[in-house]
């Protein structure tokens, strides 16, 4: 939590690994409400599951969610992943929006100048980068496993 606040400048951080109740969505929503009592304006969804449920429960009127992934469902057999609950009536009268998002238009240059802009910001030191480095191709299995066990901070890099 301190890394997120100190190095990256966020006001609040919640470590989902510290959630302990059986109803993780409600517990996470409660922690979000503690940090931002008026709710959240925007949520970038990459996880799904109870993270999405907590985001929906705390989304403000006119709030929006960009859905880019749902990693919590990736290990389920096709058609067996738990579904997220969405109260569409709530969304109608609060003008909330959920939209799918893929990065390819930005990476290919059809939308904005992502690669050029980010490369320049990186060279200028405007981006804070965290990487966990593994040495040698023989360590790729450990590097890959780190993505799913929390053994990394930031990007995982295998140095050849």
N, C-alpha and C. Protein backbone atom coordinates (compact mmCIF):
# COMPACT_ATOMS: atom_id res chain seq x y z
N UNK A 1 0.82 -1.20 0.00
CA UNK A 1 0.00 0.00 0.00
C UNK A 1 0.86 1.26 0.00
N UNK A 2 1.94 1.24 0.76
CA UNK A 2 2.79 2.42 0.84
C UNK A 2 3.49 2.71 -0.49
N UNK A 3 3.88 1.68 -1.21
CA UNK A 3 4.50 1.87 -2.53
C UNK A 3 3.54 2.60 -3.45
N UNK A 4 2.29 2.19 -3.46
CA UNK A 4 1.29 2.80 -4.33
C UNK A 4 1.09 4.26 -3.97
N UNK A 5 1.08 4.57 -2.69
CA UNK A 5 0.88 5.95 -2.27
C UNK A 5 2.15 6.78 -2.39
N UNK A 6 3.28 6.27 -1.91
CA UNK A 6 4.52 7.05 -1.89
C UNK A 6 5.14 7.22 -3.27
N UNK A 7 5.27 6.13 -4.01
CA UNK A 7 5.96 6.21 -5.29
C UNK A 7 5.05 6.67 -6.43
N UNK A 8 3.81 6.21 -6.42
CA UNK A 8 2.92 6.49 -7.55
C UNK A 8 1.94 7.62 -7.28
N UNK A 9 1.90 8.13 -6.05
CA UNK A 9 1.13 9.33 -5.75
C UNK A 9 -0.36 9.15 -5.54
N UNK A 10 -0.82 7.93 -5.30
CA UNK A 10 -2.24 7.73 -5.04
C UNK A 10 -2.57 8.13 -3.61
N UNK A 11 -3.79 8.60 -3.39
CA UNK A 11 -4.22 9.01 -2.06
C UNK A 11 -4.54 7.82 -1.17
N UNK A 12 -5.06 6.75 -1.74
CA UNK A 12 -5.47 5.59 -0.98
C UNK A 12 -5.09 4.32 -1.73
N UNK A 13 -4.92 3.23 -0.98
CA UNK A 13 -4.66 1.93 -1.58
C UNK A 13 -5.31 0.87 -0.69
N UNK A 14 -5.88 -0.13 -1.34
CA UNK A 14 -6.51 -1.24 -0.63
C UNK A 14 -5.87 -2.52 -1.14
N UNK A 15 -5.35 -3.32 -0.23
CA UNK A 15 -4.74 -4.59 -0.61
C UNK A 15 -5.80 -5.68 -0.52
N UNK A 16 -6.26 -6.15 -1.68
CA UNK A 16 -7.31 -7.16 -1.70
C UNK A 16 -6.89 -8.46 -1.02
N UNK A 17 -5.60 -8.68 -0.89
CA UNK A 17 -5.12 -9.91 -0.24
C UNK A 17 -5.38 -9.89 1.26
N UNK A 18 -5.69 -8.73 1.80
CA UNK A 18 -5.97 -8.61 3.23
C UNK A 18 -7.46 -8.77 3.55
N UNK A 19 -8.30 -8.96 2.54
CA UNK A 19 -9.72 -9.17 2.79
C UNK A 19 -9.91 -10.52 3.46
N UNK A 20 -10.75 -10.56 4.49
CA UNK A 20 -10.85 -11.80 5.27
C UNK A 20 -12.26 -12.36 5.39
N UNK A 21 -13.28 -11.61 5.03
CA UNK A 21 -14.64 -12.11 5.21
C UNK A 21 -15.03 -13.07 4.10
N UNK A 22 -16.12 -13.77 4.30
CA UNK A 22 -16.64 -14.66 3.25
C UNK A 22 -17.26 -13.86 2.11
N UNK A 23 -17.74 -12.65 2.42
CA UNK A 23 -18.32 -11.78 1.39
C UNK A 23 -17.30 -10.71 1.02
N UNK A 24 -16.34 -11.10 0.18
CA UNK A 24 -15.25 -10.19 -0.18
C UNK A 24 -15.75 -8.97 -0.93
N UNK A 25 -16.81 -9.10 -1.73
CA UNK A 25 -17.34 -7.95 -2.47
C UNK A 25 -17.83 -6.89 -1.50
N UNK A 26 -18.57 -7.29 -0.49
CA UNK A 26 -19.09 -6.33 0.48
C UNK A 26 -17.96 -5.72 1.31
N UNK A 27 -17.00 -6.54 1.69
CA UNK A 27 -15.86 -6.03 2.47
C UNK A 27 -15.05 -5.03 1.66
N UNK A 28 -14.79 -5.36 0.39
CA UNK A 28 -14.04 -4.45 -0.47
C UNK A 28 -14.83 -3.17 -0.72
N UNK A 29 -16.13 -3.28 -0.95
CA UNK A 29 -16.96 -2.08 -1.13
C UNK A 29 -16.92 -1.20 0.11
N UNK A 30 -16.93 -1.81 1.28
CA UNK A 30 -16.85 -1.05 2.53
C UNK A 30 -15.52 -0.29 2.63
N UNK A 31 -14.43 -0.95 2.24
CA UNK A 31 -13.12 -0.29 2.29
C UNK A 31 -13.03 0.84 1.26
N UNK A 32 -13.64 0.64 0.10
CA UNK A 32 -13.67 1.71 -0.90
C UNK A 32 -14.45 2.90 -0.35
N UNK A 33 -15.59 2.64 0.28
CA UNK A 33 -16.42 3.72 0.84
C UNK A 33 -15.69 4.45 1.96
N UNK A 34 -14.85 3.74 2.72
CA UNK A 34 -14.04 4.41 3.75
C UNK A 34 -13.07 5.40 3.10
N UNK A 35 -12.47 4.97 2.00
CA UNK A 35 -11.47 5.81 1.32
C UNK A 35 -12.12 6.95 0.54
N UNK A 36 -13.23 6.65 -0.13
CA UNK A 36 -13.93 7.67 -0.94
C UNK A 36 -15.43 7.58 -0.64
N UNK A 37 -15.86 8.28 0.40
CA UNK A 37 -17.26 8.16 0.86
C UNK A 37 -18.29 8.49 -0.22
N UNK A 38 -17.94 9.36 -1.17
CA UNK A 38 -18.90 9.73 -2.21
C UNK A 38 -18.91 8.73 -3.37
N UNK A 39 -18.04 7.73 -3.33
CA UNK A 39 -18.00 6.71 -4.37
C UNK A 39 -16.95 7.01 -5.43
N UNK A 40 -16.85 6.10 -6.39
CA UNK A 40 -15.84 6.23 -7.44
C UNK A 40 -16.48 6.72 -8.74
N UNK A 41 -15.70 7.47 -9.50
CA UNK A 41 -16.17 8.00 -10.78
C UNK A 41 -15.84 7.05 -11.93
N UNK A 42 -14.69 6.37 -11.83
CA UNK A 42 -14.22 5.55 -12.94
C UNK A 42 -13.51 4.33 -12.40
N UNK A 43 -13.70 3.20 -13.07
CA UNK A 43 -13.04 1.96 -12.68
C UNK A 43 -12.55 1.27 -13.94
N UNK A 44 -11.29 0.87 -13.95
CA UNK A 44 -10.71 0.12 -15.07
C UNK A 44 -10.71 -1.34 -14.67
N UNK A 45 -11.57 -2.13 -15.28
CA UNK A 45 -11.78 -3.52 -14.89
C UNK A 45 -10.85 -4.46 -15.63
N UNK A 46 -10.04 -5.18 -14.86
CA UNK A 46 -9.14 -6.20 -15.40
C UNK A 46 -9.30 -7.52 -14.67
N UNK A 47 -10.09 -7.53 -13.60
CA UNK A 47 -10.13 -8.68 -12.70
C UNK A 47 -11.46 -9.42 -12.75
N UNK A 48 -12.57 -8.70 -12.64
CA UNK A 48 -13.88 -9.33 -12.55
C UNK A 48 -14.16 -9.83 -11.16
N UNK A 49 -15.15 -10.70 -11.02
CA UNK A 49 -15.48 -11.28 -9.73
C UNK A 49 -15.86 -10.22 -8.70
N UNK A 50 -15.41 -10.43 -7.48
CA UNK A 50 -15.81 -9.53 -6.39
C UNK A 50 -15.23 -8.13 -6.55
N UNK A 51 -14.16 -7.97 -7.30
CA UNK A 51 -13.63 -6.63 -7.56
C UNK A 51 -14.66 -5.82 -8.35
N UNK A 52 -15.22 -6.45 -9.37
CA UNK A 52 -16.25 -5.78 -10.18
C UNK A 52 -17.48 -5.48 -9.33
N UNK A 53 -17.89 -6.45 -8.51
CA UNK A 53 -19.07 -6.25 -7.66
C UNK A 53 -18.88 -5.05 -6.73
N UNK A 54 -17.70 -4.93 -6.14
CA UNK A 54 -17.41 -3.81 -5.24
C UNK A 54 -17.39 -2.49 -6.01
N UNK A 55 -16.84 -2.50 -7.21
CA UNK A 55 -16.82 -1.28 -8.03
C UNK A 55 -18.24 -0.84 -8.36
N UNK A 56 -19.08 -1.77 -8.77
CA UNK A 56 -20.47 -1.42 -9.10
C UNK A 56 -21.21 -0.89 -7.88
N UNK A 57 -20.93 -1.48 -6.72
CA UNK A 57 -21.63 -1.07 -5.49
C UNK A 57 -21.23 0.34 -5.05
N UNK A 58 -20.08 0.82 -5.50
CA UNK A 58 -19.60 2.14 -5.08
C UNK A 58 -19.52 3.14 -6.22
N UNK A 59 -20.01 2.77 -7.39
CA UNK A 59 -19.95 3.65 -8.56
C UNK A 59 -20.94 4.80 -8.40
N UNK A 60 -20.43 6.00 -8.61
CA UNK A 60 -21.26 7.20 -8.48
C UNK A 60 -22.18 7.36 -9.69
N UNK A 61 -23.21 8.22 -9.54
CA UNK A 61 -24.00 8.58 -10.71
C UNK A 61 -23.08 9.14 -11.80
N UNK A 62 -23.37 8.77 -13.03
CA UNK A 62 -22.58 9.11 -14.21
C UNK A 62 -21.20 8.45 -14.20
N UNK A 63 -21.00 7.49 -13.30
CA UNK A 63 -19.74 6.76 -13.25
C UNK A 63 -19.61 5.84 -14.44
N UNK A 64 -18.37 5.46 -14.73
CA UNK A 64 -18.13 4.61 -15.89
C UNK A 64 -17.09 3.54 -15.58
N UNK A 65 -17.24 2.43 -16.26
CA UNK A 65 -16.32 1.31 -16.10
C UNK A 65 -15.82 0.90 -17.48
N UNK A 66 -14.51 0.85 -17.63
CA UNK A 66 -13.89 0.33 -18.85
C UNK A 66 -13.49 -1.10 -18.56
N UNK A 67 -14.00 -2.06 -19.31
CA UNK A 67 -13.72 -3.47 -19.09
C UNK A 67 -12.69 -3.94 -20.11
N UNK A 68 -11.51 -4.32 -19.60
CA UNK A 68 -10.41 -4.75 -20.45
C UNK A 68 -10.03 -6.20 -20.19
N UNK A 69 -10.49 -6.76 -19.09
CA UNK A 69 -10.14 -8.14 -18.76
C UNK A 69 -10.97 -8.64 -17.60
N UNK A 70 -10.84 -9.93 -17.33
CA UNK A 70 -11.55 -10.56 -16.22
C UNK A 70 -10.75 -11.76 -15.75
N UNK A 71 -9.53 -11.49 -15.29
CA UNK A 71 -8.58 -12.56 -14.98
C UNK A 71 -9.10 -13.55 -13.93
N UNK A 72 -10.02 -13.11 -13.08
CA UNK A 72 -10.54 -14.02 -12.06
C UNK A 72 -11.33 -15.18 -12.67
N UNK A 73 -11.70 -15.07 -13.94
CA UNK A 73 -12.50 -16.11 -14.58
C UNK A 73 -11.69 -16.96 -15.56
N UNK A 74 -10.44 -16.64 -15.79
CA UNK A 74 -9.68 -17.28 -16.86
C UNK A 74 -9.42 -18.77 -16.65
N UNK A 75 -9.41 -19.24 -15.42
CA UNK A 75 -9.12 -20.65 -15.18
C UNK A 75 -10.36 -21.54 -15.12
N UNK A 76 -11.52 -20.96 -15.35
CA UNK A 76 -12.75 -21.75 -15.36
C UNK A 76 -12.94 -22.40 -16.73
N UNK A 77 -13.59 -23.55 -16.73
CA UNK A 77 -13.99 -24.16 -18.00
C UNK A 77 -15.00 -23.23 -18.67
N UNK A 78 -15.04 -23.25 -19.97
CA UNK A 78 -15.96 -22.41 -20.73
C UNK A 78 -17.38 -22.54 -20.21
N UNK A 79 -18.00 -21.41 -19.92
CA UNK A 79 -19.39 -21.40 -19.47
C UNK A 79 -19.60 -21.69 -18.00
N UNK A 80 -18.54 -21.90 -17.22
CA UNK A 80 -18.72 -22.25 -15.81
C UNK A 80 -18.30 -21.13 -14.85
N UNK A 81 -17.73 -20.06 -15.37
CA UNK A 81 -17.29 -18.97 -14.48
C UNK A 81 -18.50 -18.31 -13.84
N UNK A 82 -18.38 -17.91 -12.56
CA UNK A 82 -19.49 -17.22 -11.92
C UNK A 82 -19.77 -15.89 -12.64
N UNK A 83 -21.05 -15.57 -12.73
CA UNK A 83 -21.45 -14.34 -13.40
C UNK A 83 -21.45 -13.18 -12.42
N UNK A 84 -21.16 -11.99 -12.92
CA UNK A 84 -21.27 -10.79 -12.10
C UNK A 84 -22.70 -10.28 -12.12
N UNK A 85 -23.12 -9.72 -11.00
CA UNK A 85 -24.45 -9.14 -10.90
C UNK A 85 -24.40 -7.68 -11.30
N UNK A 86 -25.30 -7.29 -12.17
CA UNK A 86 -25.41 -5.88 -12.56
C UNK A 86 -26.86 -5.47 -12.39
N UNK A 87 -27.09 -4.42 -11.61
CA UNK A 87 -28.43 -3.89 -11.43
C UNK A 87 -28.66 -2.86 -12.54
N UNK A 88 -29.28 -3.31 -13.64
CA UNK A 88 -29.41 -2.41 -14.77
C UNK A 88 -30.37 -1.26 -14.48
N UNK A 89 -31.34 -1.46 -13.59
CA UNK A 89 -32.23 -0.35 -13.23
C UNK A 89 -31.45 0.78 -12.58
N UNK A 90 -30.51 0.41 -11.72
CA UNK A 90 -29.65 1.40 -11.07
C UNK A 90 -28.88 2.19 -12.13
N UNK A 91 -28.41 1.50 -13.14
CA UNK A 91 -27.60 2.15 -14.18
C UNK A 91 -28.43 3.13 -15.01
N UNK A 92 -29.68 2.81 -15.25
CA UNK A 92 -30.53 3.67 -16.07
C UNK A 92 -30.70 5.03 -15.39
N UNK A 93 -31.07 5.01 -14.14
CA UNK A 93 -31.42 6.25 -13.46
C UNK A 93 -30.23 7.00 -12.88
N UNK A 94 -29.08 6.39 -12.92
CA UNK A 94 -27.86 7.07 -12.46
C UNK A 94 -26.92 7.38 -13.62
N UNK A 95 -27.33 7.02 -14.84
CA UNK A 95 -26.56 7.31 -16.05
C UNK A 95 -25.16 6.69 -16.02
N UNK A 96 -25.05 5.53 -15.41
CA UNK A 96 -23.77 4.84 -15.35
C UNK A 96 -23.51 4.12 -16.68
N UNK A 97 -22.22 3.87 -16.96
CA UNK A 97 -21.86 3.28 -18.24
C UNK A 97 -20.77 2.23 -18.06
N UNK A 98 -20.90 1.11 -18.78
CA UNK A 98 -19.88 0.07 -18.84
C UNK A 98 -19.54 -0.11 -20.31
N UNK A 99 -18.25 -0.11 -20.61
CA UNK A 99 -17.84 -0.22 -22.01
C UNK A 99 -16.63 -1.13 -22.14
N UNK A 100 -16.64 -1.98 -23.13
CA UNK A 100 -15.49 -2.82 -23.42
C UNK A 100 -14.33 -1.99 -23.93
N UNK A 101 -13.12 -2.46 -23.66
CA UNK A 101 -11.92 -1.71 -24.03
C UNK A 101 -10.83 -2.69 -24.44
N UNK A 102 -10.27 -2.48 -25.61
CA UNK A 102 -9.08 -3.23 -26.03
C UNK A 102 -8.00 -2.21 -26.39
N UNK A 103 -6.76 -2.59 -26.21
CA UNK A 103 -5.65 -1.65 -26.38
C UNK A 103 -5.15 -1.53 -27.81
N UNK A 104 -5.54 -2.43 -28.70
CA UNK A 104 -4.96 -2.45 -30.04
C UNK A 104 -5.08 -1.11 -30.80
N UNK A 105 -6.18 -0.38 -30.75
CA UNK A 105 -6.20 0.89 -31.49
C UNK A 105 -5.10 1.86 -31.04
N UNK A 106 -4.75 1.83 -29.77
CA UNK A 106 -3.70 2.72 -29.26
C UNK A 106 -2.32 2.17 -29.60
N UNK A 107 -2.15 0.86 -29.52
CA UNK A 107 -0.85 0.26 -29.82
C UNK A 107 -0.50 0.34 -31.30
N UNK A 108 -1.51 0.33 -32.15
CA UNK A 108 -1.27 0.38 -33.59
C UNK A 108 -1.25 1.80 -34.14
N UNK A 109 -1.55 2.78 -33.30
CA UNK A 109 -1.53 4.17 -33.75
C UNK A 109 -2.82 4.64 -34.39
N UNK A 110 -3.83 3.79 -34.47
CA UNK A 110 -5.11 4.23 -35.03
C UNK A 110 -5.82 5.19 -34.08
N UNK A 111 -5.48 5.14 -32.81
CA UNK A 111 -6.08 5.99 -31.79
C UNK A 111 -4.95 6.60 -30.98
N UNK A 112 -4.73 7.88 -31.08
CA UNK A 112 -3.69 8.53 -30.29
C UNK A 112 -2.29 8.12 -30.71
N UNK A 113 -1.32 8.50 -29.90
CA UNK A 113 0.09 8.23 -30.15
C UNK A 113 0.71 7.51 -28.96
N UNK A 114 0.08 6.47 -28.49
CA UNK A 114 0.47 5.82 -27.26
C UNK A 114 1.96 5.46 -27.20
N UNK A 115 2.44 4.70 -28.16
CA UNK A 115 3.83 4.24 -28.09
C UNK A 115 4.82 5.40 -28.10
N UNK A 116 4.60 6.37 -28.96
CA UNK A 116 5.49 7.53 -29.02
C UNK A 116 5.41 8.34 -27.73
N UNK A 117 4.19 8.57 -27.25
CA UNK A 117 4.01 9.38 -26.02
C UNK A 117 4.63 8.69 -24.81
N UNK A 118 4.31 7.41 -24.61
CA UNK A 118 4.81 6.70 -23.43
C UNK A 118 6.33 6.55 -23.50
N UNK A 119 6.86 6.29 -24.68
CA UNK A 119 8.32 6.19 -24.82
C UNK A 119 8.99 7.49 -24.42
N UNK A 120 8.43 8.59 -24.86
CA UNK A 120 8.99 9.90 -24.50
C UNK A 120 8.87 10.16 -23.00
N UNK A 121 7.72 9.87 -22.41
CA UNK A 121 7.54 10.08 -20.97
C UNK A 121 8.51 9.21 -20.17
N UNK A 122 8.75 7.98 -20.65
CA UNK A 122 9.70 7.08 -19.97
C UNK A 122 11.11 7.67 -20.04
N UNK A 123 11.53 8.11 -21.22
CA UNK A 123 12.87 8.69 -21.38
C UNK A 123 13.03 9.95 -20.54
N UNK A 124 11.97 10.72 -20.38
CA UNK A 124 12.01 11.96 -19.60
C UNK A 124 11.88 11.71 -18.10
N UNK A 125 11.69 10.46 -17.70
CA UNK A 125 11.56 10.14 -16.28
C UNK A 125 10.21 10.52 -15.69
N UNK A 126 9.21 10.70 -16.54
CA UNK A 126 7.88 11.09 -16.07
C UNK A 126 7.03 9.90 -15.60
N UNK A 127 7.50 8.69 -15.89
CA UNK A 127 6.77 7.49 -15.47
C UNK A 127 7.54 6.78 -14.36
N UNK A 128 6.82 6.37 -13.35
CA UNK A 128 7.41 5.55 -12.29
C UNK A 128 7.22 4.10 -12.68
N UNK A 129 8.30 3.35 -12.76
CA UNK A 129 8.25 1.98 -13.23
C UNK A 129 8.75 1.04 -12.13
N UNK A 130 8.01 -0.03 -11.93
CA UNK A 130 8.43 -1.09 -11.01
C UNK A 130 8.52 -2.37 -11.81
N UNK A 131 9.62 -3.09 -11.66
CA UNK A 131 9.81 -4.36 -12.35
C UNK A 131 10.41 -5.39 -11.40
N UNK A 132 9.99 -6.62 -11.57
CA UNK A 132 10.62 -7.75 -10.90
C UNK A 132 11.34 -8.52 -12.00
N UNK A 133 12.67 -8.63 -11.87
CA UNK A 133 13.49 -9.22 -12.92
C UNK A 133 13.94 -10.62 -12.54
N UNK A 134 13.82 -11.52 -13.49
CA UNK A 134 14.31 -12.89 -13.36
C UNK A 134 15.44 -13.04 -14.37
N UNK A 135 16.53 -13.64 -13.95
CA UNK A 135 17.71 -13.78 -14.82
C UNK A 135 17.71 -15.11 -15.55
N UNK A 136 17.83 -15.06 -16.88
CA UNK A 136 18.00 -16.26 -17.69
C UNK A 136 16.72 -16.91 -18.12
N UNK A 137 16.76 -17.49 -19.30
CA UNK A 137 15.60 -18.16 -19.87
C UNK A 137 15.14 -19.32 -18.98
N UNK A 138 16.06 -19.92 -18.24
CA UNK A 138 15.71 -21.03 -17.36
C UNK A 138 14.76 -20.60 -16.24
N UNK A 139 14.64 -19.30 -15.99
CA UNK A 139 13.79 -18.81 -14.90
C UNK A 139 12.39 -18.39 -15.38
N UNK A 140 12.06 -18.67 -16.65
CA UNK A 140 10.78 -18.22 -17.17
C UNK A 140 9.59 -18.83 -16.43
N UNK A 141 9.71 -20.06 -15.96
CA UNK A 141 8.61 -20.69 -15.25
C UNK A 141 8.33 -19.95 -13.95
N UNK A 142 9.39 -19.62 -13.20
CA UNK A 142 9.22 -18.86 -11.96
C UNK A 142 8.65 -17.48 -12.24
N UNK A 143 9.12 -16.86 -13.33
CA UNK A 143 8.62 -15.53 -13.70
C UNK A 143 7.13 -15.58 -14.02
N UNK A 144 6.73 -16.58 -14.79
CA UNK A 144 5.33 -16.73 -15.15
C UNK A 144 4.48 -17.00 -13.91
N UNK A 145 4.96 -17.87 -13.04
CA UNK A 145 4.22 -18.19 -11.81
C UNK A 145 4.07 -16.96 -10.93
N UNK A 146 5.06 -16.07 -10.93
CA UNK A 146 5.01 -14.85 -10.10
C UNK A 146 3.81 -13.99 -10.46
N UNK A 147 3.38 -14.05 -11.71
CA UNK A 147 2.21 -13.27 -12.13
C UNK A 147 0.95 -13.67 -11.39
N UNK A 148 0.89 -14.92 -10.95
CA UNK A 148 -0.32 -15.45 -10.34
C UNK A 148 -0.21 -15.66 -8.84
N UNK A 149 0.98 -15.51 -8.29
CA UNK A 149 1.16 -15.74 -6.85
C UNK A 149 1.42 -14.46 -6.08
N UNK A 150 1.60 -13.35 -6.79
CA UNK A 150 1.91 -12.10 -6.11
C UNK A 150 3.36 -11.96 -5.73
N UNK A 151 4.23 -12.78 -6.31
CA UNK A 151 5.65 -12.74 -6.00
C UNK A 151 6.37 -11.63 -6.77
N UNK A 152 5.62 -10.81 -7.48
CA UNK A 152 6.23 -9.72 -8.25
C UNK A 152 5.70 -8.37 -7.79
N UNK A 153 6.47 -7.34 -8.10
CA UNK A 153 6.01 -5.96 -7.96
C UNK A 153 6.16 -5.34 -9.33
N UNK A 154 5.06 -4.88 -9.90
CA UNK A 154 5.10 -4.29 -11.23
C UNK A 154 5.23 -5.35 -12.32
N UNK A 155 5.86 -4.95 -13.40
CA UNK A 155 6.03 -5.84 -14.55
C UNK A 155 7.01 -6.96 -14.22
N UNK A 156 6.79 -8.12 -14.82
CA UNK A 156 7.71 -9.24 -14.69
C UNK A 156 8.57 -9.25 -15.96
N UNK A 157 9.88 -9.27 -15.77
CA UNK A 157 10.82 -9.25 -16.89
C UNK A 157 11.77 -10.44 -16.75
N UNK A 158 11.97 -11.16 -17.85
CA UNK A 158 12.98 -12.22 -17.90
C UNK A 158 14.14 -11.67 -18.71
N UNK A 159 15.28 -11.49 -18.04
CA UNK A 159 16.48 -10.94 -18.70
C UNK A 159 17.26 -12.08 -19.31
N UNK A 160 17.49 -11.98 -20.62
CA UNK A 160 18.22 -13.03 -21.33
C UNK A 160 19.69 -12.73 -21.42
